[in-house]
PDB file of N, CA and C in Angstrom:
ATOM      1  N   MET A   1     172.098 120.812 111.088  1.00  0.00           N
ATOM      2  CA  MET A   1     171.456 119.736 110.034  1.00  0.00           C
ATOM      3  C   MET A   1     172.056 120.178 108.440  1.00  0.00           C
ATOM      4  N   SER A   2     172.580 119.158 107.849  1.00  0.00           N
ATOM      5  CA  SER A   2     172.910 119.512 106.486  1.00  0.00           C
ATOM      6  C   SER A   2     171.798 119.091 105.525  1.00  0.00           C
ATOM      7  N   LYS A   3     171.855 119.767 104.444  1.00  0.00           N
ATOM      8  CA  LYS A   3     170.669 119.505 103.447  1.00  0.00           C
ATOM      9  C   LYS A   3     171.531 119.398 102.018  1.00  0.00           C
ATOM     10  N   PHE A   4     171.013 118.049 101.438  1.00  0.00           N
ATOM     11  CA  PHE A   4     171.566 117.817 100.125  1.00  0.00           C
ATOM     12  C   PHE A   4     170.373 117.713  98.937  1.00  0.00           C
ATOM     13  N   ILE A   5     171.028 117.887  97.655  1.00  0.00           N
ATOM     14  CA  ILE A   5     170.247 117.687  96.398  1.00  0.00           C
ATOM     15  C   ILE A   5     170.871 116.795  95.666  1.00  0.00           C
ATOM     16  N   PHE A   6     170.163 115.728  94.969  1.00  0.00           N
ATOM     17  CA  PHE A   6     170.765 115.017  93.767  1.00  0.00           C
ATOM     18  C   PHE A   6     169.935 115.434  92.516  1.00  0.00           C
ATOM     19  N   LEU A   7     170.775 115.427  91.471  1.00  0.00           N
ATOM     20  CA  LEU A   7     170.060 115.910  90.205  1.00  0.00           C
ATOM     21  C   LEU A   7     170.346 114.619  89.255  1.00  0.00           C
ATOM     22  N   PHE A   8     169.316 114.234  88.578  1.00  0.00           N
ATOM     23  CA  PHE A   8     169.254 112.918  87.880  1.00  0.00           C
ATOM     24  C   PHE A   8     168.419 113.191  86.612  1.00  0.00           C
ATOM     25  N   THR A   9     168.856 112.556  85.501  1.00  0.00           N
ATOM     26  CA  THR A   9     167.891 112.214  84.351  1.00  0.00           C
ATOM     27  C   THR A   9     167.593 110.841  83.990  1.00  0.00           C
ATOM     28  N   THR A  10     166.349 110.600  83.550  1.00  0.00           N
ATOM     29  CA  THR A  10     165.850 109.304  83.476  1.00  0.00           C
ATOM     30  C   THR A  10     165.680 109.150  81.898  1.00  0.00           C
ATOM     31  N   GLY A  11     165.842 110.098  81.110  1.00  0.00           N
ATOM     32  CA  GLY A  11     165.569 109.915  79.652  1.00  0.00           C
ATOM     33  C   GLY A  11     164.271 110.670  79.432  1.00  0.00           C
ATOM     34  N   LYS A  12     164.170 110.888  77.877  1.00  0.00           N
ATOM     35  CA  LYS A  12     163.038 111.534  77.623  1.00  0.00           C
ATOM     36  C   LYS A  12     161.547 110.602  77.344  1.00  0.00           C
ATOM     37  N   PHE A  13     161.983 109.408  77.434  1.00  0.00           N
ATOM     38  CA  PHE A  13     160.719 108.641  77.220  1.00  0.00           C
ATOM     39  C   PHE A  13     160.230 107.953  78.502  1.00  0.00           C
ATOM     40  N   THR A  14     160.463 108.704  79.462  1.00  0.00           N
ATOM     41  CA  THR A  14     159.987 108.179  80.795  1.00  0.00           C
ATOM     42  C   THR A  14     158.769 109.045  81.189  1.00  0.00           C
ATOM     43  N   THR A  15     157.829 108.554  82.295  1.00  0.00           N
ATOM     44  CA  THR A  15     156.969 109.387  82.730  1.00  0.00           C
ATOM     45  C   THR A  15     157.399 110.128  83.986  1.00  0.00           C
ATOM     46  N   THR A  16     156.793 111.096  84.503  1.00  0.00           N
ATOM     47  CA  THR A  16     157.261 111.928  85.621  1.00  0.00           C
ATOM     48  C   THR A  16     157.248 110.810  86.722  1.00  0.00           C
ATOM     49  N   PHE A  17     156.139 110.072  86.970  1.00  0.00           N
ATOM     50  CA  PHE A  17     156.304 109.166  88.077  1.00  0.00           C
ATOM     51  C   PHE A  17     157.552 108.134  88.037  1.00  0.00           C
ATOM     52  N   ASP A  18     157.762 107.816  86.866  1.00  0.00           N
ATOM     53  CA  ASP A  18     159.217 106.729  86.752  1.00  0.00           C
ATOM     54  C   ASP A  18     160.354 107.609  87.292  1.00  0.00           C
ATOM     55  N   GLY A  19     160.449 109.141  86.772  1.00  0.00           N
ATOM     56  CA  GLY A  19     161.617 109.812  87.232  1.00  0.00           C
ATOM     57  C   GLY A  19     161.692 110.053  88.583  1.00  0.00           C
ATOM     58  N   GLU A  20     160.391 110.138  89.249  1.00  0.00           N
ATOM     59  CA  GLU A  20     160.305 110.466  90.601  1.00  0.00           C
ATOM     60  C   GLU A  20     160.844 109.060  91.349  1.00  0.00           C
ATOM     61  N   VAL A  21     160.447 107.873  90.880  1.00  0.00           N
ATOM     62  CA  VAL A  21     160.906 106.648  91.459  1.00  0.00           C
ATOM     63  C   VAL A  21     162.340 106.533  91.375  1.00  0.00           C
ATOM     64  N   ALA A  22     162.923 106.832  90.217  1.00  0.00           N
ATOM     65  CA  ALA A  22     164.250 106.563  89.779  1.00  0.00           C
ATOM     66  C   ALA A  22     165.114 107.476  90.806  1.00  0.00           C
ATOM     67  N   ILE A  23     164.802 108.678  91.194  1.00  0.00           N
ATOM     68  CA  ILE A  23     165.621 109.517  91.859  1.00  0.00           C
ATOM     69  C   ILE A  23     165.491 109.094  93.305  1.00  0.00           C
ATOM     70  N   LEU A  24     164.327 108.753  93.635  1.00  0.00           N
ATOM     71  CA  LEU A  24     164.379 108.181  95.186  1.00  0.00           C
ATOM     72  C   LEU A  24     165.251 107.083  95.258  1.00  0.00           C
ATOM     73  N   GLN A  25     165.282 106.131  94.264  1.00  0.00           N
ATOM     74  CA  GLN A  25     166.207 104.990  94.296  1.00  0.00           C
ATOM     75  C   GLN A  25     167.568 105.486  94.516  1.00  0.00           C
ATOM     76  N   VAL A  26     168.072 106.512  93.673  1.00  0.00           N
ATOM     77  CA  VAL A  26     169.324 107.095  93.713  1.00  0.00           C
ATOM     78  C   VAL A  26     169.603 107.409  95.261  1.00  0.00           C
ATOM     79  N   ALA A  27     168.790 108.465  95.500  1.00  0.00           N
ATOM     80  CA  ALA A  27     168.910 109.134  96.853  1.00  0.00           C
ATOM     81  C   ALA A  27     169.055 107.994  98.049  1.00  0.00           C
ATOM     82  N   LEU A  28     168.004 106.976  97.914  1.00  0.00           N
ATOM     83  CA  LEU A  28     168.307 105.928  99.156  1.00  0.00           C
ATOM     84  C   LEU A  28     169.540 105.096  98.948  1.00  0.00           C
ATOM     85  N   ALA A  29     169.881 104.787  97.764  1.00  0.00           N
ATOM     86  CA  ALA A  29     171.181 104.022  97.541  1.00  0.00           C
ATOM     87  C   ALA A  29     172.459 105.064  98.003  1.00  0.00           C
ATOM     88  N   GLN A  30     172.435 106.326  97.773  1.00  0.00           N
ATOM     89  CA  GLN A  30     173.355 107.111  98.188  1.00  0.00           C
ATOM     90  C   GLN A  30     173.428 107.134  99.721  1.00  0.00           C
ATOM     91  N   LEU A  31     172.256 107.260 100.378  1.00  0.00           N
ATOM     92  CA  LEU A  31     172.168 107.152 101.787  1.00  0.00           C
ATOM     93  C   LEU A  31     173.030 105.904 102.374  1.00  0.00           C
ATOM     94  N   HIS A  32     172.815 104.817 101.625  1.00  0.00           N
ATOM     95  CA  HIS A  32     173.503 103.663 102.029  1.00  0.00           C
ATOM     96  C   HIS A  32     174.893 103.757 101.936  1.00  0.00           C
ATOM     97  N   ARG A  33     175.405 104.477 100.943  1.00  0.00           N
ATOM     98  CA  ARG A  33     176.764 104.736 100.848  1.00  0.00           C
ATOM     99  C   ARG A  33     177.426 105.782 101.837  1.00  0.00           C
ATOM    100  N   HIS A  34     176.557 106.395 102.528  1.00  0.00           N
ATOM    101  CA  HIS A  34     177.024 107.319 103.601  1.00  0.00           C
ATOM    102  C   HIS A  34     176.480 107.157 104.972  1.00  0.00           C
ATOM    103  N   LEU A  35     176.442 105.781 105.394  1.00  0.00           N
ATOM    104  CA  LEU A  35     175.812 105.316 106.567  1.00  0.00           C
ATOM    105  C   LEU A  35     176.398 106.124 107.778  1.00  0.00           C
ATOM    106  N   ASN A  36     177.613 106.566 107.846  1.00  0.00           N
ATOM    107  CA  ASN A  36     178.254 107.065 109.041  1.00  0.00           C
ATOM    108  C   ASN A  36     178.053 108.704 109.090  1.00  0.00           C
ATOM    109  N   SER A  37     177.325 109.042 107.917  1.00  0.00           N
ATOM    110  CA  SER A  37     177.206 110.606 107.991  1.00  0.00           C
ATOM    111  C   SER A  37     175.923 111.114 108.467  1.00  0.00           C
ATOM    112  N   PHE A  38     174.989 110.269 108.939  1.00  0.00           N
ATOM    113  CA  PHE A  38     173.572 110.732 109.125  1.00  0.00           C
ATOM    114  C   PHE A  38     172.985 109.697 110.068  1.00  0.00           C
ATOM    115  N   THR A  39     171.917 110.063 110.952  1.00  0.00           N
ATOM    116  CA  THR A  39     171.271 109.426 111.719  1.00  0.00           C
ATOM    117  C   THR A  39     169.580 109.258 111.194  1.00  0.00           C
ATOM    118  N   SER A  40     169.243 110.423 110.601  1.00  0.00           N
ATOM    119  CA  SER A  40     167.987 110.421 110.006  1.00  0.00           C
ATOM    120  C   SER A  40     168.097 111.409 108.586  1.00  0.00           C
ATOM    121  N   ALA A  41     166.953 111.374 107.920  1.00  0.00           N
ATOM    122  CA  ALA A  41     167.122 111.945 106.524  1.00  0.00           C
ATOM    123  C   ALA A  41     165.496 112.259 106.259  1.00  0.00           C
ATOM    124  N   VAL A  42     165.321 113.246 105.601  1.00  0.00           N
ATOM    125  CA  VAL A  42     164.084 113.483 105.131  1.00  0.00           C
ATOM    126  C   VAL A  42     164.059 113.761 103.592  1.00  0.00           C
ATOM    127  N   GLY A  43     163.450 112.972 102.883  1.00  0.00           N
ATOM    128  CA  GLY A  43     163.364 113.062 101.323  1.00  0.00           C
ATOM    129  C   GLY A  43     162.184 113.994 100.909  1.00  0.00           C
ATOM    130  N   PHE A  44     162.244 115.125 100.423  1.00  0.00           N
ATOM    131  CA  PHE A  44     161.276 115.784  99.900  1.00  0.00           C
ATOM    132  C   PHE A  44     160.831 115.288  98.638  1.00  0.00           C
ATOM    133  N   ARG A  45     159.442 114.926  98.431  1.00  0.00           N
ATOM    134  CA  ARG A  45     159.092 114.577  97.225  1.00  0.00           C
ATOM    135  C   ARG A  45     157.867 115.467  96.674  1.00  0.00           C
ATOM    136  N   ASP A  46     157.561 115.689  95.443  1.00  0.00           N
ATOM    137  CA  ASP A  46     156.600 116.365  95.051  1.00  0.00           C
ATOM    138  C   ASP A  46     155.462 115.508  94.364  1.00  0.00           C
ATOM    139  N   SER A  47     155.599 114.056  94.611  1.00  0.00           N
ATOM    140  CA  SER A  47     154.891 113.083  94.095  1.00  0.00           C
ATOM    141  C   SER A  47     154.135 112.228  95.238  1.00  0.00           C
ATOM    142  N   LYS A  48     152.913 112.643  95.457  1.00  0.00           N
ATOM    143  CA  LYS A  48     152.251 111.738  96.376  1.00  0.00           C
ATOM    144  C   LYS A  48     152.029 110.363  96.076  1.00  0.00           C
ATOM    145  N   ALA A  49     151.893 110.093  94.814  1.00  0.00           N
ATOM    146  CA  ALA A  49     151.770 108.786  94.303  1.00  0.00           C
ATOM    147  C   ALA A  49     153.059 107.990  94.564  1.00  0.00           C
ATOM    148  N   VAL A  50     154.232 108.469  94.453  1.00  0.00           N
ATOM    149  CA  VAL A  50     155.357 107.728  94.695  1.00  0.00           C
ATOM    150  C   VAL A  50     155.412 107.499  96.301  1.00  0.00           C
ATOM    151  N   ILE A  51     155.263 108.379  97.120  1.00  0.00           N
ATOM    152  CA  ILE A  51     155.236 108.309  98.539  1.00  0.00           C
ATOM    153  C   ILE A  51     154.372 107.009  98.813  1.00  0.00           C
ATOM    154  N   PHE A  52     152.946 107.175  98.456  1.00  0.00           N
ATOM    155  CA  PHE A  52     151.940 106.199  98.757  1.00  0.00           C
ATOM    156  C   PHE A  52     152.274 104.891  98.206  1.00  0.00           C
ATOM    157  N   ASP A  53     152.978 104.840  96.898  1.00  0.00           N
ATOM    158  CA  ASP A  53     153.377 103.316  96.680  1.00  0.00           C
ATOM    159  C   ASP A  53     154.632 102.848  97.327  1.00  0.00           C
ATOM    160  N   VAL A  54     155.373 103.688  97.681  1.00  0.00           N
ATOM    161  CA  VAL A  54     156.680 103.090  98.587  1.00  0.00           C
ATOM    162  C   VAL A  54     156.360 102.815  99.930  1.00  0.00           C
ATOM    163  N   GLU A  55     155.277 103.539 100.523  1.00  0.00           N
ATOM    164  CA  GLU A  55     154.982 103.182 102.000  1.00  0.00           C
ATOM    165  C   GLU A  55     153.773 102.244 102.011  1.00  0.00           C
ATOM    166  N   SER A  56     153.195 101.828 100.845  1.00  0.00           N
ATOM    167  CA  SER A  56     151.928 100.870 100.666  1.00  0.00           C
ATOM    168  C   SER A  56     152.622  99.522 101.143  1.00  0.00           C
ATOM    169  N   SER A  57     151.605  98.696 101.675  1.00  0.00           N
ATOM    170  CA  SER A  57     151.905  97.184 101.659  1.00  0.00           C
ATOM    171  C   SER A  57     151.473  96.467 100.787  1.00  0.00           C
ATOM    172  N   ASN A  58     150.955  96.989  99.558  1.00  0.00           N
ATOM    173  CA  ASN A  58     150.414  96.446  98.400  1.00  0.00           C
ATOM    174  C   ASN A  58     151.745  95.451  97.832  1.00  0.00           C
ATOM    175  N   SER A  59     151.372  94.438  97.503  1.00  0.00           N
ATOM    176  CA  SER A  59     152.533  93.497  97.004  1.00  0.00           C
ATOM    177  C   SER A  59     152.559  93.477  95.433  1.00  0.00           C
ATOM    178  N   THR A  60     151.863  94.103  94.908  1.00  0.00           N
ATOM    179  CA  THR A  60     151.927  94.409  93.294  1.00  0.00           C
ATOM    180  C   THR A  60     152.316  95.695  92.871  1.00  0.00           C
ATOM    181  N   VAL A  61     153.736  95.815  92.983  1.00  0.00           N
ATOM    182  CA  VAL A  61     154.374  97.082  92.795  1.00  0.00           C
ATOM    183  C   VAL A  61     155.292  96.773  91.616  1.00  0.00           C
ATOM    184  N   SER A  62     155.618  97.793  91.013  1.00  0.00           N
ATOM    185  CA  SER A  62     156.931  97.675  90.080  1.00  0.00           C
ATOM    186  C   SER A  62     158.097  97.262  90.779  1.00  0.00           C
ATOM    187  N   SER A  63     158.996  96.869  89.931  1.00  0.00           N
ATOM    188  CA  SER A  63     160.413  96.320  90.578  1.00  0.00           C
ATOM    189  C   SER A  63     161.076  97.550  91.190  1.00  0.00           C
ATOM    190  N   ASN A  64     161.005  98.797  90.659  1.00  0.00           N
ATOM    191  CA  ASN A  64     161.689  99.875  91.026  1.00  0.00           C
ATOM    192  C   ASN A  64     161.142 100.481  92.587  1.00  0.00           C
ATOM    193  N   ILE A  65     159.714 100.302  92.511  1.00  0.00           N
ATOM    194  CA  ILE A  65     159.174 100.594  93.895  1.00  0.00           C
ATOM    195  C   ILE A  65     159.611  99.596  94.881  1.00  0.00           C
ATOM    196  N   PHE A  66     159.557  98.455  94.554  1.00  0.00           N
ATOM    197  CA  PHE A  66     160.060  97.180  95.124  1.00  0.00           C
ATOM    198  C   PHE A  66     161.422  97.534  95.790  1.00  0.00           C
ATOM    199  N   ASP A  67     162.380  97.985  94.931  1.00  0.00           N
ATOM    200  CA  ASP A  67     163.741  98.446  95.216  1.00  0.00           C
ATOM    201  C   ASP A  67     163.764  99.401  96.304  1.00  0.00           C
ATOM    202  N   CYS A  68     162.878 100.281  96.135  1.00  0.00           N
ATOM    203  CA  CYS A  68     162.882 101.543  97.027  1.00  0.00           C
ATOM    204  C   CYS A  68     162.523 100.961  98.305  1.00  0.00           C
ATOM    205  N   LYS A  69     161.438  99.974  98.303  1.00  0.00           N
ATOM    206  CA  LYS A  69     161.122  99.496  99.820  1.00  0.00           C
ATOM    207  C   LYS A  69     162.099  98.792 100.283  1.00  0.00           C
ATOM    208  N   LYS A  70     162.940  98.025  99.705  1.00  0.00           N
ATOM    209  CA  LYS A  70     164.123  97.303 100.085  1.00  0.00           C
ATOM    210  C   LYS A  70     165.125  98.143 100.649  1.00  0.00           C
ATOM    211  N   LEU A  71     165.425  99.255 100.040  1.00  0.00           N
ATOM    212  CA  LEU A  71     166.334 100.167 100.438  1.00  0.00           C
ATOM    213  C   LEU A  71     165.932 100.916 101.925  1.00  0.00           C
ATOM    214  N   LEU A  72     164.780 101.118 101.849  1.00  0.00           N
ATOM    215  CA  LEU A  72     164.103 101.830 103.091  1.00  0.00           C
ATOM    216  C   LEU A  72     164.253 100.677 104.326  1.00  0.00           C
ATOM    217  N   GLN A  73     163.897  99.461 104.037  1.00  0.00           N
ATOM    218  CA  GLN A  73     163.949  98.400 105.022  1.00  0.00           C
ATOM    219  C   GLN A  73     165.626  98.335 105.364  1.00  0.00           C
ATOM    220  N   SER A  74     166.301  98.206 104.656  1.00  0.00           N
ATOM    221  CA  SER A  74     167.772  98.058 104.864  1.00  0.00           C
ATOM    222  C   SER A  74     168.243  99.314 105.874  1.00  0.00           C
ATOM    223  N   LEU A  75     167.994 100.608 105.437  1.00  0.00           N
ATOM    224  CA  LEU A  75     168.212 101.587 106.078  1.00  0.00           C
ATOM    225  C   LEU A  75     167.727 101.548 107.568  1.00  0.00           C
ATOM    226  N   SER A  76     166.621 101.128 107.810  1.00  0.00           N
ATOM    227  CA  SER A  76     165.990 100.756 109.029  1.00  0.00           C
ATOM    228  C   SER A  76     166.635  99.984 109.786  1.00  0.00           C
ATOM    229  N   ALA A  77     167.230  98.743 109.082  1.00  0.00           N
ATOM    230  CA  ALA A  77     167.922  97.761 109.751  1.00  0.00           C
ATOM    231  C   ALA A  77     169.304  98.472 110.437  1.00  0.00           C
ATOM    232  N   TYR A  78     169.885  99.370 110.041  1.00  0.00           N
ATOM    233  CA  TYR A  78     170.930 100.227 110.387  1.00  0.00           C
ATOM    234  C   TYR A  78     170.602 101.276 111.387  1.00  0.00           C
ATOM    235  N   PHE A  79     169.288 101.392 111.666  1.00  0.00           N
ATOM    236  CA  PHE A  79     168.832 102.449 112.725  1.00  0.00           C
ATOM    237  C   PHE A  79     168.696 103.804 112.256  1.00  0.00           C
ATOM    238  N   LYS A  80     168.586 103.931 110.887  1.00  0.00           N
ATOM    239  CA  LYS A  80     168.259 105.106 110.113  1.00  0.00           C
ATOM    240  C   LYS A  80     166.999 105.425 110.000  1.00  0.00           C
ATOM    241  N   GLU A  81     166.543 106.649 110.432  1.00  0.00           N
ATOM    242  CA  GLU A  81     165.186 107.070 110.214  1.00  0.00           C
ATOM    243  C   GLU A  81     165.092 108.061 109.050  1.00  0.00           C
ATOM    244  N   ILE A  82     164.164 107.363 108.005  1.00  0.00           N
ATOM    245  CA  ILE A  82     164.123 108.013 106.841  1.00  0.00           C
ATOM    246  C   ILE A  82     162.617 108.469 106.593  1.00  0.00           C
ATOM    247  N   VAL A  83     162.260 109.742 106.495  1.00  0.00           N
ATOM    248  CA  VAL A  83     160.911 110.321 106.254  1.00  0.00           C
ATOM    249  C   VAL A  83     160.777 110.842 104.869  1.00  0.00           C
ATOM    250  N   LEU A  84     159.716 110.389 104.132  1.00  0.00           N
ATOM    251  CA  LEU A  84     159.339 110.945 102.922  1.00  0.00           C
ATOM    252  C   LEU A  84     158.288 111.943 102.902  1.00  0.00           C
ATOM    253  N   GLN A  85     158.609 113.161 102.675  1.00  0.00           N
ATOM    254  CA  GLN A  85     157.802 114.197 103.037  1.00  0.00           C
ATOM    255  C   GLN A  85     157.210 114.863 101.598  1.00  0.00           C
ATOM    256  N   TRP A  86     155.999 114.865 101.684  1.00  0.00           N
ATOM    257  CA  TRP A  86     155.456 115.469 100.165  1.00  0.00           C
ATOM    258  C   TRP A  86     155.655 117.051 100.446  1.00  0.00           C
ATOM    259  N   ILE A  87     155.884 117.757  99.292  1.00  0.00           N
ATOM    260  CA  ILE A  87     155.964 119.078  99.167  1.00  0.00           C
ATOM    261  C   ILE A  87     155.235 119.351  97.917  1.00  0.00           C
ATOM    262  N   SER A  88     154.652 120.635  97.736  1.00  0.00           N
ATOM    263  CA  SER A  88     154.018 121.047  96.444  1.00  0.00           C
ATOM    264  C   SER A  88     155.077 121.203  95.524  1.00  0.00           C
ATOM    265  N   GLY A  89     154.744 120.919  94.153  1.00  0.00           N
ATOM    266  CA  GLY A  89     155.758 120.957  93.162  1.00  0.00           C
ATOM    267  C   GLY A  89     156.105 122.380  92.923  1.00  0.00           C
ATOM    268  N   HIS A  90     155.530 123.332  93.190  1.00  0.00           N
ATOM    269  CA  HIS A  90     155.591 124.791  92.865  1.00  0.00           C
ATOM    270  C   HIS A  90     155.838 125.586  94.237  1.00  0.00           C
ATOM    271  N   CYS A  91     156.161 125.132  95.211  1.00  0.00           N
ATOM    272  CA  CYS A  91     156.098 125.739  96.379  1.00  0.00           C
ATOM    273  C   CYS A  91     157.682 126.670  96.555  1.00  0.00           C
ATOM    274  N   VAL A  92     157.849 127.359  97.466  1.00  0.00           N
ATOM    275  CA  VAL A  92     158.913 128.306  97.424  1.00  0.00           C
ATOM    276  C   VAL A  92     160.180 127.759  98.306  1.00  0.00           C
ATOM    277  N   VAL A  93     160.548 126.423  97.852  1.00  0.00           N
ATOM    278  CA  VAL A  93     161.682 125.811  98.248  1.00  0.00           C
ATOM    279  C   VAL A  93     162.680 126.000  97.153  1.00  0.00           C
ATOM    280  N   SER A  94     163.753 126.649  97.335  1.00  0.00           N
ATOM    281  CA  SER A  94     164.593 126.998  96.332  1.00  0.00           C
ATOM    282  C   SER A  94     165.312 125.825  95.647  1.00  0.00           C
ATOM    283  N   GLY A  95     165.699 124.817  96.384  1.00  0.00           N
ATOM    284  CA  GLY A  95     166.095 123.588  95.644  1.00  0.00           C
ATOM    285  C   GLY A  95     165.076 122.885  94.514  1.00  0.00           C
ATOM    286  N   ASN A  96     163.805 122.872  95.088  1.00  0.00           N
ATOM    287  CA  ASN A  96     162.710 122.363  94.341  1.00  0.00           C
ATOM    288  C   ASN A  96     162.593 123.106  93.000  1.00  0.00           C
ATOM    289  N   GLU A  97     162.693 124.362  93.103  1.00  0.00           N
ATOM    290  CA  GLU A  97     162.394 125.360  92.047  1.00  0.00           C
ATOM    291  C   GLU A  97     163.399 125.100  91.028  1.00  0.00           C
ATOM    292  N   LEU A  98     164.660 125.083  91.723  1.00  0.00           N
ATOM    293  CA  LEU A  98     165.876 124.825  90.564  1.00  0.00           C
ATOM    294  C   LEU A  98     165.887 123.565  89.844  1.00  0.00           C
ATOM    295  N   VAL A  99     165.422 122.436  90.523  1.00  0.00           N
ATOM    296  CA  VAL A  99     165.376 121.118  90.075  1.00  0.00           C
ATOM    297  C   VAL A  99     164.161 121.087  88.998  1.00  0.00           C
ATOM    298  N   ASN A 100     163.214 121.844  89.358  1.00  0.00           N
ATOM    299  CA  ASN A 100     162.112 121.793  88.412  1.00  0.00           C
ATOM    300  C   ASN A 100     162.286 122.603  87.031  1.00  0.00           C
ATOM    301  N   HIS A 101     162.950 123.747  87.299  1.00  0.00           N
ATOM    302  CA  HIS A 101     163.652 124.640  86.091  1.00  0.00           C
ATOM    303  C   HIS A 101     164.622 123.752  85.294  1.00  0.00           C
ATOM    304  N   LEU A 102     165.457 123.168  85.845  1.00  0.00           N
ATOM    305  CA  LEU A 102     166.516 122.258  85.037  1.00  0.00           C
ATOM    306  C   LEU A 102     165.815 121.228  84.467  1.00  0.00           C
ATOM    307  N   ALA A 103     164.838 120.459  85.013  1.00  0.00           N
ATOM    308  CA  ALA A 103     164.284 119.245  84.414  1.00  0.00           C
ATOM    309  C   ALA A 103     163.480 119.569  83.250  1.00  0.00           C
ATOM    310  N   LYS A 104     162.773 120.938  83.151  1.00  0.00           N
ATOM    311  CA  LYS A 104     162.105 121.392  82.127  1.00  0.00           C
ATOM    312  C   LYS A 104     163.047 121.689  80.833  1.00  0.00           C
ATOM    313  N   LYS A 105     164.137 122.002  81.253  1.00  0.00           N
ATOM    314  CA  LYS A 105     165.103 122.293  80.213  1.00  0.00           C
ATOM    315  C   LYS A 105     166.001 120.999  79.746  1.00  0.00           C
ATOM    316  N   ARG A 106     165.729 120.014  80.486  1.00  0.00           N
ATOM    317  CA  ARG A 106     166.354 118.718  80.339  1.00  0.00           C
ATOM    318  C   ARG A 106     168.022 118.879  80.423  1.00  0.00           C
ATOM    319  N   GLU A 107     168.486 119.597  81.535  1.00  0.00           N
ATOM    320  CA  GLU A 107     169.639 120.010  81.658  1.00  0.00           C
ATOM    321  C   GLU A 107     170.245 119.539  82.972  1.00  0.00           C
ATOM    322  N   LEU A 108     169.541 118.557  83.508  1.00  0.00           N
ATOM    323  CA  LEU A 108     170.187 117.881  84.821  1.00  0.00           C
ATOM    324  C   LEU A 108     171.298 116.894  84.542  1.00  0.00           C
ATOM    325  N   PRO A 109     172.487 117.193  85.285  1.00  0.00           N
ATOM    326  CA  PRO A 109     173.625 116.221  85.116  1.00  0.00           C
ATOM    327  C   PRO A 109     173.301 114.778  85.379  1.00  0.00           C
ATOM    328  N   PHE A 110     173.750 113.842  84.537  1.00  0.00           N
ATOM    329  CA  PHE A 110     173.378 112.497  84.736  1.00  0.00           C
ATOM    330  C   PHE A 110     174.545 111.815  85.803  1.00  0.00           C
ATOM    331  N   LYS A 111     174.016 111.320  86.771  1.00  0.00           N
ATOM    332  CA  LYS A 111     174.891 110.394  87.703  1.00  0.00           C
ATOM    333  C   LYS A 111     174.245 109.054  87.735  1.00  0.00           C
ATOM    334  N   ARG A 112     175.188 108.087  87.682  1.00  0.00           N
ATOM    335  CA  ARG A 112     175.132 106.623  87.894  1.00  0.00           C
ATOM    336  C   ARG A 112     174.594 106.266  89.234  1.00  0.00           C
ATOM    337  N   GLN A 113     173.609 105.342  89.422  1.00  0.00           N
ATOM    338  CA  GLN A 113     173.403 104.964  90.872  1.00  0.00           C
ATOM    339  C   GLN A 113     174.578 104.191  91.448  1.00  0.00           C
ATOM    340  N   GLN A 114     175.233 103.319  90.864  1.00  0.00           N
ATOM    341  CA  GLN A 114     176.460 102.555  91.138  1.00  0.00           C
ATOM    342  C   GLN A 114     177.575 103.233  91.810  1.00  0.00           C
ATOM    343  N   GLU A 115     177.547 104.582  91.508  1.00  0.00           N
ATOM    344  CA  GLU A 115     178.625 105.474  91.948  1.00  0.00           C
ATOM    345  C   GLU A 115     178.547 106.067  93.273  1.00  0.00           C
ATOM    346  N   LYS A 116     179.498 106.249  94.106  1.00  0.00           N
ATOM    347  CA  LYS A 116     179.168 106.928  95.350  1.00  0.00           C
ATOM    348  C   LYS A 116     179.404 108.435  95.007  1.00  0.00           C
ATOM    349  N   LEU A 117     178.287 109.240  95.156  1.00  0.00           N
ATOM    350  CA  LEU A 117     178.452 110.590  94.805  1.00  0.00           C
ATOM    351  C   LEU A 117     178.701 111.444  96.093  1.00  0.00           C
ATOM    352  N   SER A 118     179.380 112.498  95.727  1.00  0.00           N
ATOM    353  CA  SER A 118     179.661 113.511  96.988  1.00  0.00           C
ATOM    354  C   SER A 118     178.365 114.145  97.400  1.00  0.00           C
ATOM    355  N   LEU A 119     177.963 114.328  98.672  1.00  0.00           N
ATOM    356  CA  LEU A 119     177.014 114.840  99.249  1.00  0.00           C
ATOM    357  C   LEU A 119     177.312 116.296  99.272  1.00  0.00           C
ATOM    358  N   LEU A 120     176.723 117.060  98.401  1.00  0.00           N
ATOM    359  CA  LEU A 120     176.967 118.454  98.151  1.00  0.00           C
ATOM    360  C   LEU A 120     175.968 119.318  99.028  1.00  0.00           C
ATOM    361  N   PRO A 121     176.334 120.051 100.124  1.00  0.00           N
ATOM    362  CA  PRO A 121     175.286 120.723 100.873  1.00  0.00           C
ATOM    363  C   PRO A 121     174.512 121.835 100.149  1.00  0.00           C
ATOM    364  N   LEU A 122     173.272 122.030 100.391  1.00  0.00           N
ATOM    365  CA  LEU A 122     172.491 122.825  99.727  1.00  0.00           C
ATOM    366  C   LEU A 122     171.984 123.891 100.855  1.00  0.00           C
ATOM    367  N   PRO A 123     172.621 124.791 101.335  1.00  0.00           N
ATOM    368  CA  PRO A 123     172.187 125.576 102.732  1.00  0.00           C
ATOM    369  C   PRO A 123     171.036 126.394 102.528  1.00  0.00           C
ATOM    370  N   SER A 124     170.577 126.552 101.262  1.00  0.00           N
ATOM    371  CA  SER A 124     169.319 127.332 101.308  1.00  0.00           C
ATOM    372  C   SER A 124     168.141 126.727 100.934  1.00  0.00           C
ATOM    373  N   LEU A 125     167.992 125.278 101.228  1.00  0.00           N
ATOM    374  CA  LEU A 125     166.980 124.551 100.847  1.00  0.00           C
ATOM    375  C   LEU A 125     165.523 125.109 101.466  1.00  0.00           C
ATOM    376  N   LEU A 126     165.553 125.518 102.670  1.00  0.00           N
ATOM    377  CA  LEU A 126     164.354 125.796 103.321  1.00  0.00           C
ATOM    378  C   LEU A 126     164.316 127.248 103.601  1.00  0.00           C
TER     379      LEU A 126
END
């Protein structure tokens, strides 16, 4: 099993929720660009609100949440199993701790969603 991490900034005038949704959009879009590389994927999120909104059947959601829902449905149409798993924001998952540290320093490298990003393995995620 391979593990990957995406680093992404959304700007200093967005909420944490907006950032969580934005990175989920990027991750799901990148999975679309690597359809032959996986059959299932787990997205670790430290925001229960994002997971709830994306998995909710509520029709009054933001356009970003709606885009995440469409991406998940599309991946499902390709027979890809995607699980959004909540983890504590301060648990001992090395990748999560690194991302939290860099985010606080605002040093995350910016990547555009339209580009196909290399999937870099993160062997010590768990």
